[in-house]
Amino acid sequence: MKYTIAFYNLENLFDYRNDIKTLDDDFLPNAEKQWTKRRYYRKIERVSRVISQIGKSSHETSPVIVGLAEVENKKVLHDLVNSKYLKQENYRYVHFSSLDERGIDVALLYNPEIFCLEKSESHKIKLLDENGKNDYTRDILSVRGIMNSEPICFIVNHWPSRREGIPISEPKRLIAAEKNKEIINHVLQEEPNTKVMVMGDFNDNPYNASLKFLEKELQLFNPMATLLSYTKGSLNYRGKWHLFDQILFSTNFFNTETDKLQFDGANIFDAPFLKYDKGRFKGQPVRTYVGDKYKNGYSDHFPVYVILTL
């Protein structure tokens, strides 16, 4: 038996209605992007198609677990799991609203026939801006449960961006890494045998300090470390490939006991239909927008995934 665990940054999966509490004005029908109901449901259908196919090169089932970034609210998750390509999977979802000023959050989809949810929590990251005021970012989501009679915890992240430049933003991502350490230590104090997976858009590559912190301080293995190259990654910025999207896990996934969940492989899901096939962006993800120009794509990120076997 094989199971896929995936992570996907959906790039601005906003609904088409105004939320006065967040800065979602770019994604409304009367905005420059003209984010209409039709375009919204087209995006839902497109990303649901992607999710349904992650990992199917190694086996025929859709992912058991999917961590998500850049979802606006429960409505978009409801529409996603009830969409054309995912409805038959009977996914359930976990989501908490964060104080991120744009109103984008992380979430988790799971197959309840395989993963039995026991506990979920949202964890705030305490950051300050240059004026000493609270600098809100996406919360971290932890989801605990039972899979194959084994305790397992999934932690979903979307760390602060590099928009301000690396010298200013890197300390914020290190704070987020410390928060993951705090969460995992608490989980292992309660149940030492728990298997742990940390996934997300970390806005850092495998060789950056924040990811090295997770590997060293928490003894997590990063199977994505060897996937990044000059021609391959999960996103491309100004012609350079990056692997900000990653899944790390505790070393007890290398357990060779019979009938235990074991790591079997990892990859980037960059199927041909997700890429531009010609022009200056050849090989890069087909986005929903480039600037304000509608491209009817998927996301500016490719999904990543790991395969577990029994």
C-alpha atoms as a PDB file:
ATOM      1  CA  MET A   1       0.000   0.000   0.000  1.00  0.00           C
ATOM      2  CA  LYS A   2       1.242   3.491  -0.876  1.00  0.00           C
ATOM      3  CA  TYR A   3       0.062   6.884   0.412  1.00  0.00           C
ATOM      4  CA  THR A   4       0.815  10.370  -0.895  1.00  0.00           C
ATOM      5  CA  ILE A   5       1.318  13.324   1.453  1.00  0.00           C
ATOM      6  CA  ALA A   6       1.367  16.627  -0.437  1.00  0.00           C
ATOM      7  CA  PHE A   7       1.766  20.363   0.005  1.00  0.00           C
ATOM      8  CA  TYR A   8       0.512  23.026  -2.438  1.00  0.00           C
ATOM      9  CA  ASN A   9       0.613  26.830  -2.354  1.00  0.00           C
ATOM     10  CA  LEU A  10      -2.533  27.751  -4.297  1.00  0.00           C
ATOM     11  CA  GLU A  11      -1.484  31.364  -5.030  1.00  0.00           C
ATOM     12  CA  ASN A  12      -4.246  33.668  -3.864  1.00  0.00           C
ATOM     13  CA  LEU A  13      -7.253  31.377  -3.651  1.00  0.00           C
ATOM     14  CA  PHE A  14      -9.668  34.155  -2.731  1.00  0.00           C
ATOM     15  CA  ASP A  15     -13.404  34.026  -3.164  1.00  0.00           C
ATOM     16  CA  TYR A  16     -15.049  36.849  -5.135  1.00  0.00           C
ATOM     17  CA  ARG A  17     -16.778  38.550  -2.185  1.00  0.00           C
ATOM     18  CA  ASN A  18     -15.459  41.490  -0.187  1.00  0.00           C
ATOM     19  CA  ASP A  19     -14.227  40.830   3.341  1.00  0.00           C
ATOM     20  CA  ILE A  20     -14.014  44.187   5.142  1.00  0.00           C
ATOM     21  CA  LYS A  21     -11.581  42.732   7.694  1.00  0.00           C
ATOM     22  CA  THR A  22      -8.846  41.906   5.173  1.00  0.00           C
ATOM     23  CA  LEU A  23      -7.005  43.401   2.202  1.00  0.00           C
ATOM     24  CA  ASP A  24      -8.732  41.311  -0.454  1.00  0.00           C
ATOM     25  CA  ASP A  25      -9.703  44.220  -2.708  1.00  0.00           C
ATOM     26  CA  ASP A  26      -7.536  43.002  -5.604  1.00  0.00           C
ATOM     27  CA  PHE A  27      -9.707  39.895  -5.853  1.00  0.00           C
ATOM     28  CA  LEU A  28     -13.153  41.308  -6.432  1.00  0.00           C
ATOM     29  CA  PRO A  29     -15.256  41.539  -9.624  1.00  0.00           C
ATOM     30  CA  ASN A  30     -14.778  45.315  -9.884  1.00  0.00           C
ATOM     31  CA  ALA A  31     -11.014  45.264  -9.241  1.00  0.00           C
ATOM     32  CA  GLU A  32      -8.402  45.617 -11.986  1.00  0.00           C
ATOM     33  CA  LYS A  33      -7.942  41.853 -11.946  1.00  0.00           C
ATOM     34  CA  GLN A  34     -11.698  41.419 -12.509  1.00  0.00           C
ATOM     35  CA  TRP A  35     -11.867  38.447 -10.164  1.00  0.00           C
ATOM     36  CA  THR A  36     -15.322  37.258 -11.110  1.00  0.00           C
ATOM     37  CA  LYS A  37     -17.406  34.332  -9.916  1.00  0.00           C
ATOM     38  CA  ARG A  38     -16.657  32.555 -13.196  1.00  0.00           C
ATOM     39  CA  ARG A  39     -12.892  32.996 -12.839  1.00  0.00           C
ATOM     40  CA  TYR A  40     -13.058  31.895  -9.216  1.00  0.00           C
ATOM     41  CA  TYR A  41     -14.797  28.609  -9.997  1.00  0.00           C
ATOM     42  CA  ARG A  42     -12.483  28.043 -12.934  1.00  0.00           C
ATOM     43  CA  LYS A  43      -9.530  28.299 -10.547  1.00  0.00           C
ATOM     44  CA  ILE A  44     -11.224  25.931  -8.085  1.00  0.00           C
ATOM     45  CA  GLU A  45     -11.638  23.375 -10.862  1.00  0.00           C
ATOM     46  CA  ARG A  46      -8.062  23.794 -12.062  1.00  0.00           C
ATOM     47  CA  VAL A  47      -6.318  23.413  -8.697  1.00  0.00           C
ATOM     48  CA  SER A  48      -8.621  20.539  -7.735  1.00  0.00           C
ATOM     49  CA  ARG A  49      -7.502  18.735 -10.880  1.00  0.00           C
ATOM     50  CA  VAL A  50      -3.887  19.213  -9.807  1.00  0.00           C
ATOM     51  CA  ILE A  51      -4.482  17.942  -6.271  1.00  0.00           C
ATOM     52  CA  SER A  52      -6.302  14.854  -7.553  1.00  0.00           C
ATOM     53  CA  GLN A  53      -3.268  13.831  -9.638  1.00  0.00           C
ATOM     54  CA  ILE A  54      -0.375  14.413  -7.220  1.00  0.00           C
ATOM     55  CA  GLY A  55       1.561  11.182  -6.742  1.00  0.00           C
ATOM     56  CA  LYS A  56      -0.399   9.172  -9.294  1.00  0.00           C
ATOM     57  CA  SER A  57       2.751   8.318 -11.215  1.00  0.00           C
ATOM     58  CA  SER A  58       3.596   5.830  -8.452  1.00  0.00           C
ATOM     59  CA  HIS A  59       0.078   4.653  -7.568  1.00  0.00           C
ATOM     60  CA  GLU A  60      -3.509   5.332  -8.554  1.00  0.00           C
ATOM     61  CA  THR A  61      -4.918   7.087  -5.504  1.00  0.00           C
ATOM     62  CA  SER A  62      -5.112  10.805  -4.715  1.00  0.00           C
ATOM     63  CA  PRO A  63      -3.209  12.200  -1.707  1.00  0.00           C
ATOM     64  CA  VAL A  64      -4.303  11.159   1.761  1.00  0.00           C
ATOM     65  CA  ILE A  65      -3.120  14.475   3.225  1.00  0.00           C
ATOM     66  CA  VAL A  66      -2.732  17.839   1.471  1.00  0.00           C
ATOM     67  CA  GLY A  67      -1.296  20.870   3.237  1.00  0.00           C
ATOM     68  CA  LEU A  68      -2.380  24.134   1.614  1.00  0.00           C
ATOM     69  CA  ALA A  69      -1.208  27.741   1.649  1.00  0.00           C
ATOM     70  CA  GLU A  70      -2.898  30.947   0.473  1.00  0.00           C
ATOM     71  CA  VAL A  71      -6.538  30.034   1.068  1.00  0.00           C
ATOM     72  CA  GLU A  72      -8.841  32.847   2.140  1.00  0.00           C
ATOM     73  CA  ASN A  73     -11.490  31.090   4.222  1.00  0.00           C
ATOM     74  CA  LYS A  74     -13.645  28.037   4.800  1.00  0.00           C
ATOM     75  CA  LYS A  75     -15.819  28.844   1.773  1.00  0.00           C
ATOM     76  CA  VAL A  76     -12.962  28.264  -0.659  1.00  0.00           C
ATOM     77  CA  LEU A  77     -12.099  25.004   1.100  1.00  0.00           C
ATOM     78  CA  HIS A  78     -15.726  23.886   0.966  1.00  0.00           C
ATOM     79  CA  ASP A  79     -15.873  24.662  -2.744  1.00  0.00           C
ATOM     80  CA  LEU A  80     -12.533  22.940  -3.323  1.00  0.00           C
ATOM     81  CA  VAL A  81     -13.414  19.613  -1.672  1.00  0.00           C
ATOM     82  CA  ASN A  82     -16.805  19.603  -3.410  1.00  0.00           C
ATOM     83  CA  SER A  83     -15.359  20.363  -6.840  1.00  0.00           C
ATOM     84  CA  LYS A  84     -15.465  18.173  -9.935  1.00  0.00           C
ATOM     85  CA  TYR A  85     -12.150  16.417  -9.365  1.00  0.00           C
ATOM     86  CA  LEU A  86     -12.190  16.061  -5.575  1.00  0.00           C
ATOM     87  CA  LYS A  87     -15.800  15.388  -4.616  1.00  0.00           C
ATOM     88  CA  GLN A  88     -15.366  11.614  -4.893  1.00  0.00           C
ATOM     89  CA  GLU A  89     -12.387  11.747  -2.500  1.00  0.00           C
ATOM     90  CA  ASN A  90     -14.641  12.839   0.402  1.00  0.00           C
ATOM     91  CA  TYR A  91     -11.934  15.102   1.836  1.00  0.00           C
ATOM     92  CA  ARG A  92     -12.484  16.944   5.080  1.00  0.00           C
ATOM     93  CA  TYR A  93     -10.533  20.046   5.979  1.00  0.00           C
ATOM     94  CA  VAL A  94      -8.987  21.837   8.941  1.00  0.00           C
ATOM     95  CA  HIS A  95      -8.728  25.621   8.898  1.00  0.00           C
ATOM     96  CA  PHE A  96      -8.375  28.495  11.365  1.00  0.00           C
ATOM     97  CA  SER A  97      -8.520  32.187  10.449  1.00  0.00           C
ATOM     98  CA  SER A  98      -5.282  34.043  11.159  1.00  0.00           C
ATOM     99  CA  LEU A  99      -4.546  37.756  11.588  1.00  0.00           C
ATOM    100  CA  ASP A 100      -2.585  37.944   8.330  1.00  0.00           C
ATOM    101  CA  GLU A 101      -3.499  41.326   6.850  1.00  0.00           C
ATOM    102  CA  ARG A 102      -4.255  39.866   3.409  1.00  0.00           C
ATOM    103  CA  GLY A 103      -6.482  37.243   4.974  1.00  0.00           C
ATOM    104  CA  ILE A 104      -4.655  34.232   3.547  1.00  0.00           C
ATOM    105  CA  ASP A 105      -4.218  31.160   5.715  1.00  0.00           C
ATOM    106  CA  VAL A 106      -2.888  27.623   5.716  1.00  0.00           C
ATOM    107  CA  ALA A 107      -5.172  24.590   5.843  1.00  0.00           C
ATOM    108  CA  LEU A 108      -5.135  20.810   5.660  1.00  0.00           C
ATOM    109  CA  LEU A 109      -7.223  18.392   3.614  1.00  0.00           C
ATOM    110  CA  TYR A 110      -7.422  14.794   4.805  1.00  0.00           C
ATOM    111  CA  ASN A 111      -9.061  11.531   3.862  1.00  0.00           C
ATOM    112  CA  PRO A 112     -11.050  10.501   6.982  1.00  0.00           C
ATOM    113  CA  GLU A 113     -11.068   6.847   5.918  1.00  0.00           C
ATOM    114  CA  ILE A 114      -7.297   6.702   6.344  1.00  0.00           C
ATOM    115  CA  PHE A 115      -6.442   9.504   8.780  1.00  0.00           C
ATOM    116  CA  CYS A 116      -8.459   9.774  12.007  1.00  0.00           C
ATOM    117  CA  LEU A 117      -8.331  13.366  13.271  1.00  0.00           C
ATOM    118  CA  GLU A 118      -7.867  13.744  17.033  1.00  0.00           C
ATOM    119  CA  LYS A 119      -6.712  17.318  17.623  1.00  0.00           C
ATOM    120  CA  SER A 120      -5.988  20.488  15.660  1.00  0.00           C
ATOM    121  CA  GLU A 121      -4.548  23.810  16.798  1.00  0.00           C
ATOM    122  CA  SER A 122      -3.534  27.163  15.342  1.00  0.00           C
ATOM    123  CA  HIS A 123      -0.277  28.709  16.585  1.00  0.00           C
ATOM    124  CA  LYS A 124       0.529  32.395  16.257  1.00  0.00           C
ATOM    125  CA  ILE A 125       4.031  33.620  15.419  1.00  0.00           C
ATOM    126  CA  LYS A 126       4.909  36.727  17.433  1.00  0.00           C
ATOM    127  CA  LEU A 127       6.711  39.223  15.206  1.00  0.00           C
ATOM    128  CA  LEU A 128       7.375  42.959  15.499  1.00  0.00           C
ATOM    129  CA  ASP A 129       7.870  45.482  12.705  1.00  0.00           C
ATOM    130  CA  GLU A 130      10.526  48.219  12.636  1.00  0.00           C
ATOM    131  CA  ASN A 131       8.290  50.410  14.823  1.00  0.00           C
ATOM    132  CA  GLY A 132       7.901  47.774  17.521  1.00  0.00           C
ATOM    133  CA  LYS A 133       4.282  47.016  16.575  1.00  0.00           C
ATOM    134  CA  ASN A 134       2.807  43.574  15.964  1.00  0.00           C
ATOM    135  CA  ASP A 135       3.646  42.280  12.505  1.00  0.00           C
ATOM    136  CA  TYR A 136       0.989  39.724  11.674  1.00  0.00           C
ATOM    137  CA  THR A 137       1.679  36.713   9.486  1.00  0.00           C
ATOM    138  CA  ARG A 138       0.076  33.358   8.797  1.00  0.00           C
ATOM    139  CA  ASP A 139      -0.465  31.098  11.792  1.00  0.00           C
ATOM    140  CA  ILE A 140       1.072  27.625  11.932  1.00  0.00           C
ATOM    141  CA  LEU A 141      -1.409  24.748  11.848  1.00  0.00           C
ATOM    142  CA  SER A 142      -0.816  21.502  13.734  1.00  0.00           C
ATOM    143  CA  VAL A 143      -3.059  18.501  13.139  1.00  0.00           C
ATOM    144  CA  ARG A 144      -2.730  15.309  15.166  1.00  0.00           C
ATOM    145  CA  GLY A 145      -4.369  11.961  14.622  1.00  0.00           C
ATOM    146  CA  ILE A 146      -3.999   8.280  13.868  1.00  0.00           C
ATOM    147  CA  MET A 147      -2.930   6.743  10.564  1.00  0.00           C
ATOM    148  CA  ASN A 148      -2.292   3.023  10.232  1.00  0.00           C
ATOM    149  CA  SER A 149      -2.776   2.767  14.042  1.00  0.00           C
ATOM    150  CA  GLU A 150       0.225   5.095  14.492  1.00  0.00           C
ATOM    151  CA  PRO A 151       0.151   8.567  16.089  1.00  0.00           C
ATOM    152  CA  ILE A 152       1.117  11.218  13.543  1.00  0.00           C
ATOM    153  CA  CYS A 153       1.290  15.003  13.557  1.00  0.00           C
ATOM    154  CA  PHE A 154       1.222  17.247  10.467  1.00  0.00           C
ATOM    155  CA  ILE A 155       2.434  20.832  10.824  1.00  0.00           C
ATOM    156  CA  VAL A 156       1.556  23.269   8.024  1.00  0.00           C
ATOM    157  CA  ASN A 157       3.514  26.496   7.527  1.00  0.00           C
ATOM    158  CA  HIS A 158       3.611  29.580   5.330  1.00  0.00           C
ATOM    159  CA  TRP A 159       6.527  31.634   6.603  1.00  0.00           C
ATOM    160  CA  PRO A 160       7.130  35.392   6.182  1.00  0.00           C
ATOM    161  CA  SER A 161       8.115  36.377   2.660  1.00  0.00           C
ATOM    162  CA  ARG A 162      11.387  37.794   1.368  1.00  0.00           C
ATOM    163  CA  ARG A 163       9.686  40.973   0.143  1.00  0.00           C
ATOM    164  CA  GLU A 164      11.624  43.197   2.570  1.00  0.00           C
ATOM    165  CA  GLY A 165      14.922  41.585   1.566  1.00  0.00           C
ATOM    166  CA  ILE A 166      16.740  38.652   3.148  1.00  0.00           C
ATOM    167  CA  PRO A 167      18.623  40.572   5.907  1.00  0.00           C
ATOM    168  CA  ILE A 168      15.349  41.949   7.326  1.00  0.00           C
ATOM    169  CA  SER A 169      13.088  38.965   6.671  1.00  0.00           C
ATOM    170  CA  GLU A 170      15.358  36.022   7.559  1.00  0.00           C
ATOM    171  CA  PRO A 171      15.144  36.591  11.346  1.00  0.00           C
ATOM    172  CA  LYS A 172      11.348  36.330  11.044  1.00  0.00           C
ATOM    173  CA  ARG A 173      11.617  32.921   9.424  1.00  0.00           C
ATOM    174  CA  LEU A 174      14.012  31.794  12.130  1.00  0.00           C
ATOM    175  CA  ILE A 175      11.390  32.802  14.712  1.00  0.00           C
ATOM    176  CA  ALA A 176       8.869  30.677  12.790  1.00  0.00           C
ATOM    177  CA  ALA A 177      11.344  27.775  12.869  1.00  0.00           C
ATOM    178  CA  GLU A 178      11.669  28.177  16.650  1.00  0.00           C
ATOM    179  CA  LYS A 179       7.881  28.038  16.929  1.00  0.00           C
ATOM    180  CA  ASN A 180       7.888  24.717  15.075  1.00  0.00           C
ATOM    181  CA  LYS A 181      10.422  23.421  17.577  1.00  0.00           C
ATOM    182  CA  GLU A 182       8.170  24.484  20.447  1.00  0.00           C
ATOM    183  CA  ILE A 183       5.141  22.777  18.858  1.00  0.00           C
ATOM    184  CA  ILE A 184       6.979  19.525  18.131  1.00  0.00           C
ATOM    185  CA  ASN A 185       8.582  19.340  21.577  1.00  0.00           C
ATOM    186  CA  HIS A 186       5.133  19.707  23.143  1.00  0.00           C
ATOM    187  CA  VAL A 187       3.700  16.955  20.920  1.00  0.00           C
ATOM    188  CA  LEU A 188       6.557  14.575  21.737  1.00  0.00           C
ATOM    189  CA  GLN A 189       6.264  15.256  25.452  1.00  0.00           C
ATOM    190  CA  GLU A 190       2.659  14.060  25.293  1.00  0.00           C
ATOM    191  CA  GLU A 191       3.298  11.133  22.942  1.00  0.00           C
ATOM    192  CA  PRO A 192       7.009  10.314  22.347  1.00  0.00           C
ATOM    193  CA  ASN A 193       6.282   7.824  19.546  1.00  0.00           C
ATOM    194  CA  THR A 194       4.485  10.344  17.351  1.00  0.00           C
ATOM    195  CA  LYS A 195       5.639  10.547  13.752  1.00  0.00           C
ATOM    196  CA  VAL A 196       5.980  14.168  12.628  1.00  0.00           C
ATOM    197  CA  MET A 197       5.772  15.851   9.230  1.00  0.00           C
ATOM    198  CA  VAL A 198       6.534  19.553   8.798  1.00  0.00           C
ATOM    199  CA  MET A 199       5.420  21.003   5.486  1.00  0.00           C
ATOM    200  CA  GLY A 200       4.947  24.389   3.953  1.00  0.00           C
ATOM    201  CA  ASP A 201       6.026  27.310   1.842  1.00  0.00           C
ATOM    202  CA  PHE A 202       9.018  28.308   3.945  1.00  0.00           C
ATOM    203  CA  ASN A 203      10.155  31.168   1.678  1.00  0.00           C
ATOM    204  CA  ASP A 204      13.611  29.660   2.116  1.00  0.00           C
ATOM    205  CA  ASN A 205      15.514  26.977   0.241  1.00  0.00           C
ATOM    206  CA  PRO A 206      16.749  23.714   1.826  1.00  0.00           C
ATOM    207  CA  TYR A 207      20.244  25.166   2.331  1.00  0.00           C
ATOM    208  CA  ASN A 208      19.067  28.297   4.191  1.00  0.00           C
ATOM    209  CA  ALA A 209      19.519  28.735   7.945  1.00  0.00           C
ATOM    210  CA  SER A 210      15.850  28.278   8.897  1.00  0.00           C
ATOM    211  CA  LEU A 211      15.575  24.859   7.226  1.00  0.00           C
ATOM    212  CA  LYS A 212      18.955  23.760   8.548  1.00  0.00           C
ATOM    213  CA  PHE A 213      17.656  24.698  12.009  1.00  0.00           C
ATOM    214  CA  LEU A 214      14.708  22.303  11.586  1.00  0.00           C
ATOM    215  CA  GLU A 215      17.022  19.504  10.475  1.00  0.00           C
ATOM    216  CA  LYS A 216      19.570  19.982  13.247  1.00  0.00           C
ATOM    217  CA  GLU A 217      17.452  20.986  16.239  1.00  0.00           C
ATOM    218  CA  LEU A 218      14.590  18.572  15.612  1.00  0.00           C
ATOM    219  CA  GLN A 219      16.447  15.769  13.834  1.00  0.00           C
ATOM    220  CA  LEU A 220      14.125  16.111  10.860  1.00  0.00           C
ATOM    221  CA  PHE A 221      15.061  14.655   7.491  1.00  0.00           C
ATOM    222  CA  ASN A 222      14.566  16.837   4.412  1.00  0.00           C
ATOM    223  CA  PRO A 223      14.072  14.659   1.306  1.00  0.00           C
ATOM    224  CA  MET A 224      13.661  17.815  -0.798  1.00  0.00           C
ATOM    225  CA  ALA A 225      17.286  18.894  -0.300  1.00  0.00           C
ATOM    226  CA  THR A 226      18.501  17.062  -3.398  1.00  0.00           C
ATOM    227  CA  LEU A 227      15.634  18.114  -5.708  1.00  0.00           C
ATOM    228  CA  LEU A 228      16.623  21.739  -6.287  1.00  0.00           C
ATOM    229  CA  SER A 229      18.771  22.453  -9.355  1.00  0.00           C
ATOM    230  CA  TYR A 230      19.368  25.131 -11.981  1.00  0.00           C
ATOM    231  CA  THR A 231      16.522  23.653 -14.015  1.00  0.00           C
ATOM    232  CA  LYS A 232      14.114  22.374 -11.354  1.00  0.00           C
ATOM    233  CA  GLY A 233      12.306  23.767  -8.337  1.00  0.00           C
ATOM    234  CA  SER A 234       8.829  24.519  -7.000  1.00  0.00           C
ATOM    235  CA  LEU A 235       8.795  28.158  -8.155  1.00  0.00           C
ATOM    236  CA  ASN A 236      10.798  30.416 -10.427  1.00  0.00           C
ATOM    237  CA  TYR A 237      11.592  34.038  -9.584  1.00  0.00           C
ATOM    238  CA  ARG A 238      13.296  36.220 -12.180  1.00  0.00           C
ATOM    239  CA  GLY A 239      14.636  33.222 -14.025  1.00  0.00           C
ATOM    240  CA  LYS A 240      16.015  31.412 -10.970  1.00  0.00           C
ATOM    241  CA  TRP A 241      14.545  28.230  -9.536  1.00  0.00           C
ATOM    242  CA  HIS A 242      13.794  27.978  -5.802  1.00  0.00           C
ATOM    243  CA  LEU A 243      12.426  25.186  -3.632  1.00  0.00           C
ATOM    244  CA  PHE A 244      10.515  27.097  -0.956  1.00  0.00           C
ATOM    245  CA  ASP A 245       7.894  24.316  -0.791  1.00  0.00           C
ATOM    246  CA  GLN A 246       9.152  21.377   1.225  1.00  0.00           C
ATOM    247  CA  ILE A 247       8.114  18.461   3.438  1.00  0.00           C
ATOM    248  CA  LEU A 248      10.411  17.316   6.253  1.00  0.00           C
ATOM    249  CA  PHE A 249       9.773  14.423   8.610  1.00  0.00           C
ATOM    250  CA  SER A 250      10.977  12.671  11.744  1.00  0.00           C
ATOM    251  CA  THR A 251      13.462   9.839  11.328  1.00  0.00           C
ATOM    252  CA  ASN A 252      11.025   7.221  12.679  1.00  0.00           C
ATOM    253  CA  PHE A 253       9.586   7.180   9.139  1.00  0.00           C
ATOM    254  CA  PHE A 254      12.686   5.124   8.331  1.00  0.00           C
ATOM    255  CA  ASN A 255      11.414   2.395  10.684  1.00  0.00           C
ATOM    256  CA  THR A 256      11.718  -0.922   8.871  1.00  0.00           C
ATOM    257  CA  GLU A 257       9.277  -2.829  11.062  1.00  0.00           C
ATOM    258  CA  THR A 258       6.559  -4.691   9.213  1.00  0.00           C
ATOM    259  CA  ASP A 259       3.237  -2.847   8.826  1.00  0.00           C
ATOM    260  CA  LYS A 260       4.664   0.567   9.810  1.00  0.00           C
ATOM    261  CA  LEU A 261       4.489   3.718   7.698  1.00  0.00           C
ATOM    262  CA  GLN A 262       7.823   4.191   5.939  1.00  0.00           C
ATOM    263  CA  PHE A 263       9.298   6.848   3.677  1.00  0.00           C
ATOM    264  CA  ASP A 264       9.483   5.694   0.057  1.00  0.00           C
ATOM    265  CA  GLY A 265      10.318   8.810  -1.974  1.00  0.00           C
ATOM    266  CA  ALA A 266       9.785  12.532  -2.590  1.00  0.00           C
ATOM    267  CA  ASN A 267       9.340  14.743  -5.609  1.00  0.00           C
ATOM    268  CA  ILE A 268       8.020  17.947  -7.141  1.00  0.00           C
ATOM    269  CA  PHE A 269       4.759  17.522  -9.045  1.00  0.00           C
ATOM    270  CA  ASP A 270       5.577  19.459 -12.214  1.00  0.00           C
ATOM    271  CA  ALA A 271       3.503  17.637 -14.816  1.00  0.00           C
ATOM    272  CA  PRO A 272       3.628  19.092 -18.353  1.00  0.00           C
ATOM    273  CA  PHE A 273       0.094  20.524 -18.164  1.00  0.00           C
ATOM    274  CA  LEU A 274       1.226  22.775 -15.286  1.00  0.00           C
ATOM    275  CA  LYS A 275       4.017  24.412 -17.323  1.00  0.00           C
ATOM    276  CA  TYR A 276       4.368  26.922 -20.106  1.00  0.00           C
ATOM    277  CA  ASP A 277       5.531  24.925 -23.142  1.00  0.00           C
ATOM    278  CA  LYS A 278       7.135  27.833 -25.014  1.00  0.00           C
ATOM    279  CA  GLY A 279       8.190  31.460 -24.765  1.00  0.00           C
ATOM    280  CA  ARG A 280      10.183  33.297 -22.099  1.00  0.00           C
ATOM    281  CA  PHE A 281       8.465  31.386 -19.278  1.00  0.00           C
ATOM    282  CA  LYS A 282       8.940  27.933 -20.811  1.00  0.00           C
ATOM    283  CA  GLY A 283       9.029  25.253 -18.119  1.00  0.00           C
ATOM    284  CA  GLN A 284       7.694  27.565 -15.402  1.00  0.00           C
ATOM    285  CA  PRO A 285       4.314  27.230 -13.616  1.00  0.00           C
ATOM    286  CA  VAL A 286       1.292  28.574 -15.499  1.00  0.00           C
ATOM    287  CA  ARG A 287      -0.094  31.223 -13.158  1.00  0.00           C
ATOM    288  CA  THR A 288      -3.605  32.564 -12.733  1.00  0.00           C
ATOM    289  CA  TYR A 289      -2.315  36.112 -13.269  1.00  0.00           C
ATOM    290  CA  VAL A 290       0.909  37.727 -14.379  1.00  0.00           C
ATOM    291  CA  GLY A 291       0.524  41.174 -12.867  1.00  0.00           C
ATOM    292  CA  ASP A 292      -3.085  42.065 -13.634  1.00  0.00           C
ATOM    293  CA  LYS A 293      -3.177  40.005 -16.821  1.00  0.00           C
ATOM    294  CA  TYR A 294      -5.394  36.957 -16.500  1.00  0.00           C
ATOM    295  CA  LYS A 295      -3.688  33.749 -17.693  1.00  0.00           C
ATOM    296  CA  ASN A 296      -6.229  31.143 -16.557  1.00  0.00           C
ATOM    297  CA  GLY A 297      -3.503  29.068 -14.907  1.00  0.00           C
ATOM    298  CA  TYR A 298      -3.060  27.185 -11.662  1.00  0.00           C
ATOM    299  CA  SER A 299      -0.491  28.672  -9.295  1.00  0.00           C
ATOM    300  CA  ASP A 300       2.983  30.204  -9.317  1.00  0.00           C
ATOM    301  CA  HIS A 301       4.106  27.160  -7.289  1.00  0.00           C
ATOM    302  CA  PHE A 302       4.317  23.488  -8.139  1.00  0.00           C
ATOM    303  CA  PRO A 303       3.110  21.080  -5.419  1.00  0.00           C
ATOM    304  CA  VAL A 304       5.590  18.844  -3.608  1.00  0.00           C
ATOM    305  CA  TYR A 305       4.938  15.427  -2.127  1.00  0.00           C
ATOM    306  CA  VAL A 306       6.312  12.399  -0.325  1.00  0.00           C
ATOM    307  CA  ILE A 307       5.278   8.760  -0.705  1.00  0.00           C
ATOM    308  CA  LEU A 308       4.772   6.497   2.310  1.00  0.00           C
ATOM    309  CA  THR A 309       4.525   2.736   2.079  1.00  0.00           C
ATOM    310  CA  LEU A 310       3.271  -0.038   4.307  1.00  0.00           C
END
